[in-house]
């Protein structure tokens, strides 16, 4: 999976380019000939014509790249992203309807009366695409966190199953230690998906404290985790631990994970 940090940099670069395309597009439209109905470009080889050609080419490159990203990471927004691109390829195009590329290419009818209205429509259509572009890093981050949560939960359940097997075989202390591993993994996952910072070698108690301080765990949940941690500590050290306590630990972790 592509890293979120890489995507953020790519999106920032494309966002900046889109803003520059918008500025150039506004200049193109301001320099165009407009009679209240038809947008016409200046002489093809004029300075204005050169700016128009470069802006069209730049927008098409930007659109192609961004469209690929949208299709890959937020496909549910792909059709919405494509809509403001161009009406020229539509067989029964409504009269006067235009999108970003149509405005930039000029030589088109419009149902707008002023060049300012034309520019506003151009900006609105482009900004629709920009807004979708800016959603990509957040969407990917959410998917990544959900995947991490699913993987963590699966691993934790596997640990609990192993703890139950050991408990049934009479290895109570070992089963309690493994249940504690599942609990620790669950707490670290909670920290990760909620942006709570913890030390690399943090154990159950400091993880629970961090989650409580961040108001992810309430006081009842916090005290419950502390109690389960105390049983786990008995299992991991030469302290007396009863079969009932280990069973309480395993059942308590099962309810949390």
Protein backbone atom coordinates (compact mmCIF):
# COMPACT_ATOMS: atom_id res chain seq x y z
CA UNK A 1 0.00 0.00 0.00
CA UNK A 2 1.23 3.50 -0.84
CA UNK A 3 2.18 5.41 2.31
CA UNK A 4 -0.08 8.23 3.48
CA UNK A 5 2.90 10.61 3.75
CA UNK A 6 3.81 10.00 0.09
CA UNK A 7 0.21 10.60 -1.00
CA UNK A 8 0.01 13.81 1.01
CA UNK A 9 3.08 15.17 -0.77
CA UNK A 10 1.70 14.13 -4.16
CA UNK A 11 -1.69 15.68 -3.42
CA UNK A 12 -0.07 18.90 -2.18
CA UNK A 13 1.88 19.13 -5.44
CA UNK A 14 -1.24 18.53 -7.53
CA UNK A 15 -3.20 21.02 -5.45
CA UNK A 16 -0.60 23.70 -6.05
CA UNK A 17 -0.62 22.92 -9.76
CA UNK A 18 -4.42 23.14 -9.85
CA UNK A 19 -4.29 26.60 -8.26
CA UNK A 20 -1.82 27.70 -10.93
CA UNK A 21 -4.05 26.24 -13.65
CA UNK A 22 -6.97 28.18 -12.17
CA UNK A 23 -5.01 31.44 -12.32
CA UNK A 24 -3.95 30.80 -15.91
CA UNK A 25 -7.49 29.78 -16.83
CA UNK A 26 -8.88 33.02 -15.47
CA UNK A 27 -6.36 34.96 -17.60
CA UNK A 28 -7.34 32.93 -20.67
CA UNK A 29 -11.03 33.67 -20.15
CA UNK A 30 -10.43 37.37 -19.47
CA UNK A 31 -8.48 37.65 -22.75
CA UNK A 32 -11.09 35.74 -24.75
CA UNK A 33 -13.55 37.46 -27.07
CA UNK A 34 -17.07 37.17 -25.68
CA UNK A 35 -20.30 38.56 -27.13
CA UNK A 36 -22.61 37.38 -24.39
CA UNK A 37 -23.15 34.01 -26.01
CA UNK A 38 -20.01 32.74 -27.74
CA UNK A 39 -16.51 32.41 -26.29
CA UNK A 40 -13.84 32.86 -28.94
CA UNK A 41 -10.09 32.58 -28.60
CA UNK A 42 -7.69 35.16 -29.89
CA UNK A 43 -5.34 34.56 -32.79
CA UNK A 44 -3.86 31.08 -32.32
CA UNK A 45 -0.22 32.19 -32.46
CA UNK A 46 -0.67 35.30 -30.33
CA UNK A 47 0.68 35.60 -26.78
CA UNK A 48 -2.82 34.91 -25.46
CA UNK A 49 -3.18 31.90 -27.75
CA UNK A 50 0.10 30.50 -26.44
CA UNK A 51 -1.07 30.83 -22.84
CA UNK A 52 -4.30 29.08 -23.73
CA UNK A 53 -2.53 26.13 -25.37
CA UNK A 54 -0.19 25.68 -22.40
CA UNK A 55 -3.05 25.89 -19.92
CA UNK A 56 -5.12 23.31 -21.81
CA UNK A 57 -2.16 20.92 -22.00
CA UNK A 58 -1.32 21.43 -18.35
CA UNK A 59 -4.90 20.84 -17.25
CA UNK A 60 -5.18 17.65 -19.31
CA UNK A 61 -1.99 16.28 -17.72
CA UNK A 62 -3.26 17.26 -14.26
CA UNK A 63 -6.66 15.70 -14.91
CA UNK A 64 -5.17 12.42 -16.16
CA UNK A 65 -2.89 12.05 -13.12
CA UNK A 66 -5.53 13.05 -10.59
CA UNK A 67 -8.17 10.87 -12.21
CA UNK A 68 -5.90 7.85 -11.75
CA UNK A 69 -5.48 8.64 -8.06
CA UNK A 70 -9.21 9.06 -7.55
CA UNK A 71 -9.91 5.79 -9.36
CA UNK A 72 -7.32 3.98 -7.24
CA UNK A 73 -8.08 5.34 -3.78
CA UNK A 74 -11.63 6.77 -3.75
CA UNK A 75 -13.41 5.12 -6.73
CA UNK A 76 -16.81 6.04 -5.28
CA UNK A 77 -16.02 9.67 -6.26
CA UNK A 78 -14.76 8.91 -9.77
CA UNK A 79 -17.94 9.81 -11.67
CA UNK A 80 -18.32 13.04 -9.71
CA UNK A 81 -14.71 13.92 -10.53
CA UNK A 82 -15.19 13.25 -14.25
CA UNK A 83 -18.40 15.26 -14.63
CA UNK A 84 -16.78 18.75 -14.60
CA UNK A 85 -14.13 17.69 -17.15
CA UNK A 86 -15.84 18.28 -20.51
CA UNK A 87 -19.22 18.21 -22.26
CA UNK A 88 -17.66 18.03 -25.73
CA UNK A 89 -17.63 14.24 -25.77
CA UNK A 90 -21.35 13.98 -24.93
CA UNK A 91 -23.38 13.08 -27.99
CA UNK A 92 -26.46 15.15 -27.11
CA UNK A 93 -24.73 17.99 -25.34
CA UNK A 94 -27.14 20.53 -23.82
CA UNK A 95 -26.77 23.89 -25.55
CA UNK A 96 -24.48 26.25 -23.70
CA UNK A 97 -23.24 23.59 -21.26
CA UNK A 98 -19.53 23.68 -20.50
CA UNK A 99 -17.02 22.22 -18.08
CA UNK A 100 -13.39 23.00 -17.22
CA UNK A 101 -11.80 21.83 -20.47
CA UNK A 102 -14.55 23.42 -22.58
CA UNK A 103 -13.94 26.81 -20.99
CA UNK A 104 -10.18 26.55 -21.48
CA UNK A 105 -10.45 25.47 -25.13
CA UNK A 106 -12.89 28.32 -25.90
CA UNK A 107 -14.76 28.44 -29.24
CA UNK A 108 -17.91 27.37 -27.42
CA UNK A 109 -21.44 28.61 -26.83
CA UNK A 110 -22.46 29.47 -23.32
CA UNK A 111 -25.78 30.26 -21.70
CA UNK A 112 -24.13 32.84 -19.43
CA UNK A 113 -24.38 36.57 -20.09
CA UNK A 114 -21.12 37.91 -18.68
CA UNK A 115 -17.48 36.86 -18.66
CA UNK A 116 -17.51 37.08 -14.85
CA UNK A 117 -20.27 34.44 -14.76
CA UNK A 118 -18.22 32.29 -17.13
CA UNK A 119 -15.16 32.61 -14.86
CA UNK A 120 -17.25 31.75 -11.78
CA UNK A 121 -18.52 28.57 -13.44
CA UNK A 122 -15.01 27.61 -14.50
CA UNK A 123 -13.70 28.09 -10.95
CA UNK A 124 -16.61 26.17 -9.40
CA UNK A 125 -16.12 23.19 -11.72
CA UNK A 126 -12.36 23.08 -11.13
CA UNK A 127 -12.82 23.44 -7.38
CA UNK A 128 -15.16 20.45 -7.38
CA UNK A 129 -12.31 18.38 -8.75
CA UNK A 130 -9.80 19.93 -6.35
CA UNK A 131 -12.02 19.14 -3.36
CA UNK A 132 -12.17 15.47 -4.38
CA UNK A 133 -8.39 15.42 -4.82
CA UNK A 134 -7.90 16.76 -1.28
CA UNK A 135 -10.04 13.94 0.15
CA UNK A 136 -7.60 11.25 -0.98
CA UNK A 137 -5.03 11.29 1.90
CA UNK A 138 -7.73 11.27 4.60
CA UNK A 139 -9.62 8.45 2.87
CA UNK A 140 -6.45 6.37 2.55
CA UNK A 141 -5.52 7.05 6.17
CA UNK A 142 -8.93 5.84 7.36
CA UNK A 143 -8.65 2.70 5.22
CA UNK A 144 -5.15 2.06 6.56
CA UNK A 145 -6.31 2.46 10.16
CA UNK A 146 -9.29 0.17 9.57
CA UNK A 147 -7.00 -2.45 8.04
CA UNK A 148 -4.61 -2.16 10.97
CA UNK A 149 -7.53 -2.54 13.37
CA UNK A 150 -8.80 -5.64 11.57
CA UNK A 151 -5.36 -7.26 11.50
CA UNK A 152 -4.76 -6.43 15.16
CA UNK A 153 -8.14 -7.83 16.19
CA UNK A 154 -7.47 -11.01 14.24
CA UNK A 155 -4.07 -11.47 15.88
CA UNK A 156 -5.54 -10.74 19.32
CA UNK A 157 -8.29 -13.32 18.82
CA UNK A 158 -5.65 -15.86 17.80
CA UNK A 159 -3.74 -15.14 21.02
CA UNK A 160 -6.92 -15.55 23.07
CA UNK A 161 -7.69 -18.88 21.39
CA UNK A 162 -4.17 -20.05 22.24
CA UNK A 163 -4.65 -18.87 25.83
CA UNK A 164 -7.89 -20.87 26.10
CA UNK A 165 -6.18 -24.01 24.79
CA UNK A 166 -3.38 -23.65 27.34
CA UNK A 167 -5.88 -22.96 30.11
CA UNK A 168 -7.88 -26.08 29.25
CA UNK A 169 -4.64 -28.08 29.35
CA UNK A 170 -3.87 -26.85 32.84
CA UNK A 171 -1.16 -24.32 31.93
CA UNK A 172 -2.89 -21.48 33.73
CA UNK A 173 0.06 -19.14 34.24
CA UNK A 174 1.14 -19.39 30.57
CA UNK A 175 -2.42 -18.88 29.34
CA UNK A 176 -2.72 -15.75 31.48
CA UNK A 177 0.52 -14.33 30.05
CA UNK A 178 -0.71 -14.86 26.48
CA UNK A 179 -4.08 -13.27 27.27
CA UNK A 180 -2.09 -10.31 28.54
CA UNK A 181 -0.28 -10.11 25.19
CA UNK A 182 -3.67 -9.90 23.43
CA UNK A 183 -4.79 -7.14 25.79
CA UNK A 184 -1.59 -5.15 25.24
CA UNK A 185 -1.95 -5.47 21.46
CA UNK A 186 -5.56 -4.29 21.66
CA UNK A 187 -4.58 -1.21 23.70
CA UNK A 188 -1.77 -0.32 21.29
CA UNK A 189 -4.21 -0.54 18.39
CA UNK A 190 -6.61 1.77 20.23
CA UNK A 191 -3.75 4.23 20.69
CA UNK A 192 -2.78 4.03 17.00
CA UNK A 193 -6.25 4.59 15.56
CA UNK A 194 -6.91 7.47 17.95
CA UNK A 195 -3.53 9.16 17.57
CA UNK A 196 -2.50 8.58 21.19
CA UNK A 197 1.27 8.62 21.64
CA UNK A 198 2.97 5.88 23.67
CA UNK A 199 6.51 4.64 24.26
CA UNK A 200 7.71 1.73 22.06
CA UNK A 201 7.98 -0.69 24.99
CA UNK A 202 4.86 0.49 26.81
CA UNK A 203 2.97 -2.22 28.67
CA UNK A 204 -0.69 -2.51 29.68
CA UNK A 205 -0.73 0.00 32.55
CA UNK A 206 0.94 2.97 30.76
CA UNK A 207 -1.10 2.25 27.61
CA UNK A 208 -4.31 2.28 29.62
CA UNK A 209 -3.25 5.50 31.38
CA UNK A 210 -2.54 7.18 28.04
CA UNK A 211 -5.94 6.13 26.68
CA UNK A 212 -7.67 7.32 29.85
CA UNK A 213 -5.88 10.69 29.72
CA UNK A 214 -7.00 11.02 26.07
CA UNK A 215 -10.59 10.20 27.16
CA UNK A 216 -10.68 7.09 24.99
CA UNK A 217 -11.30 4.92 28.05
CA UNK A 218 -13.72 6.00 30.76
CA UNK A 219 -12.97 5.49 34.46
CA UNK A 220 -14.80 2.16 34.63
CA UNK A 221 -12.95 0.76 31.61
CA UNK A 222 -9.66 2.12 32.93
CA UNK A 223 -10.10 0.43 36.32
CA UNK A 224 -11.13 -2.81 34.59
CA UNK A 225 -8.00 -2.84 32.45
CA UNK A 226 -5.85 -2.10 35.50
CA UNK A 227 -7.39 -5.08 37.28
CA UNK A 228 -6.76 -7.36 34.28
CA UNK A 229 -3.19 -6.05 34.11
CA UNK A 230 -2.63 -6.96 37.77
CA UNK A 231 -3.63 -10.56 37.02
CA UNK A 232 -1.36 -10.62 33.98
CA UNK A 233 1.53 -9.40 36.15
CA UNK A 234 0.93 -12.28 38.57
CA UNK A 235 1.15 -14.71 35.64
CA UNK A 236 4.40 -13.20 34.39
CA UNK A 237 6.12 -13.20 37.79
CA UNK A 238 6.57 -15.81 40.55
CA UNK A 239 3.45 -14.66 42.40
CA UNK A 240 0.47 -16.76 43.44
CA UNK A 241 -2.31 -16.66 40.86
CA UNK A 242 -5.51 -18.67 41.04
CA UNK A 243 -7.25 -20.54 38.25
CA UNK A 244 -10.30 -18.30 38.72
CA UNK A 245 -8.21 -15.15 38.29
CA UNK A 246 -6.70 -16.41 35.02
CA UNK A 247 -10.15 -17.32 33.75
CA UNK A 248 -11.34 -13.82 34.66
CA UNK A 249 -8.39 -12.38 32.72
CA UNK A 250 -9.14 -14.42 29.61
CA UNK A 251 -12.87 -13.64 29.67
CA UNK A 252 -12.19 -9.97 30.35
CA UNK A 253 -9.81 -9.67 27.38
CA UNK A 254 -12.34 -11.49 25.13
CA UNK A 255 -14.95 -8.83 25.97
CA UNK A 256 -12.55 -5.97 25.19
CA UNK A 257 -11.07 -7.23 21.93
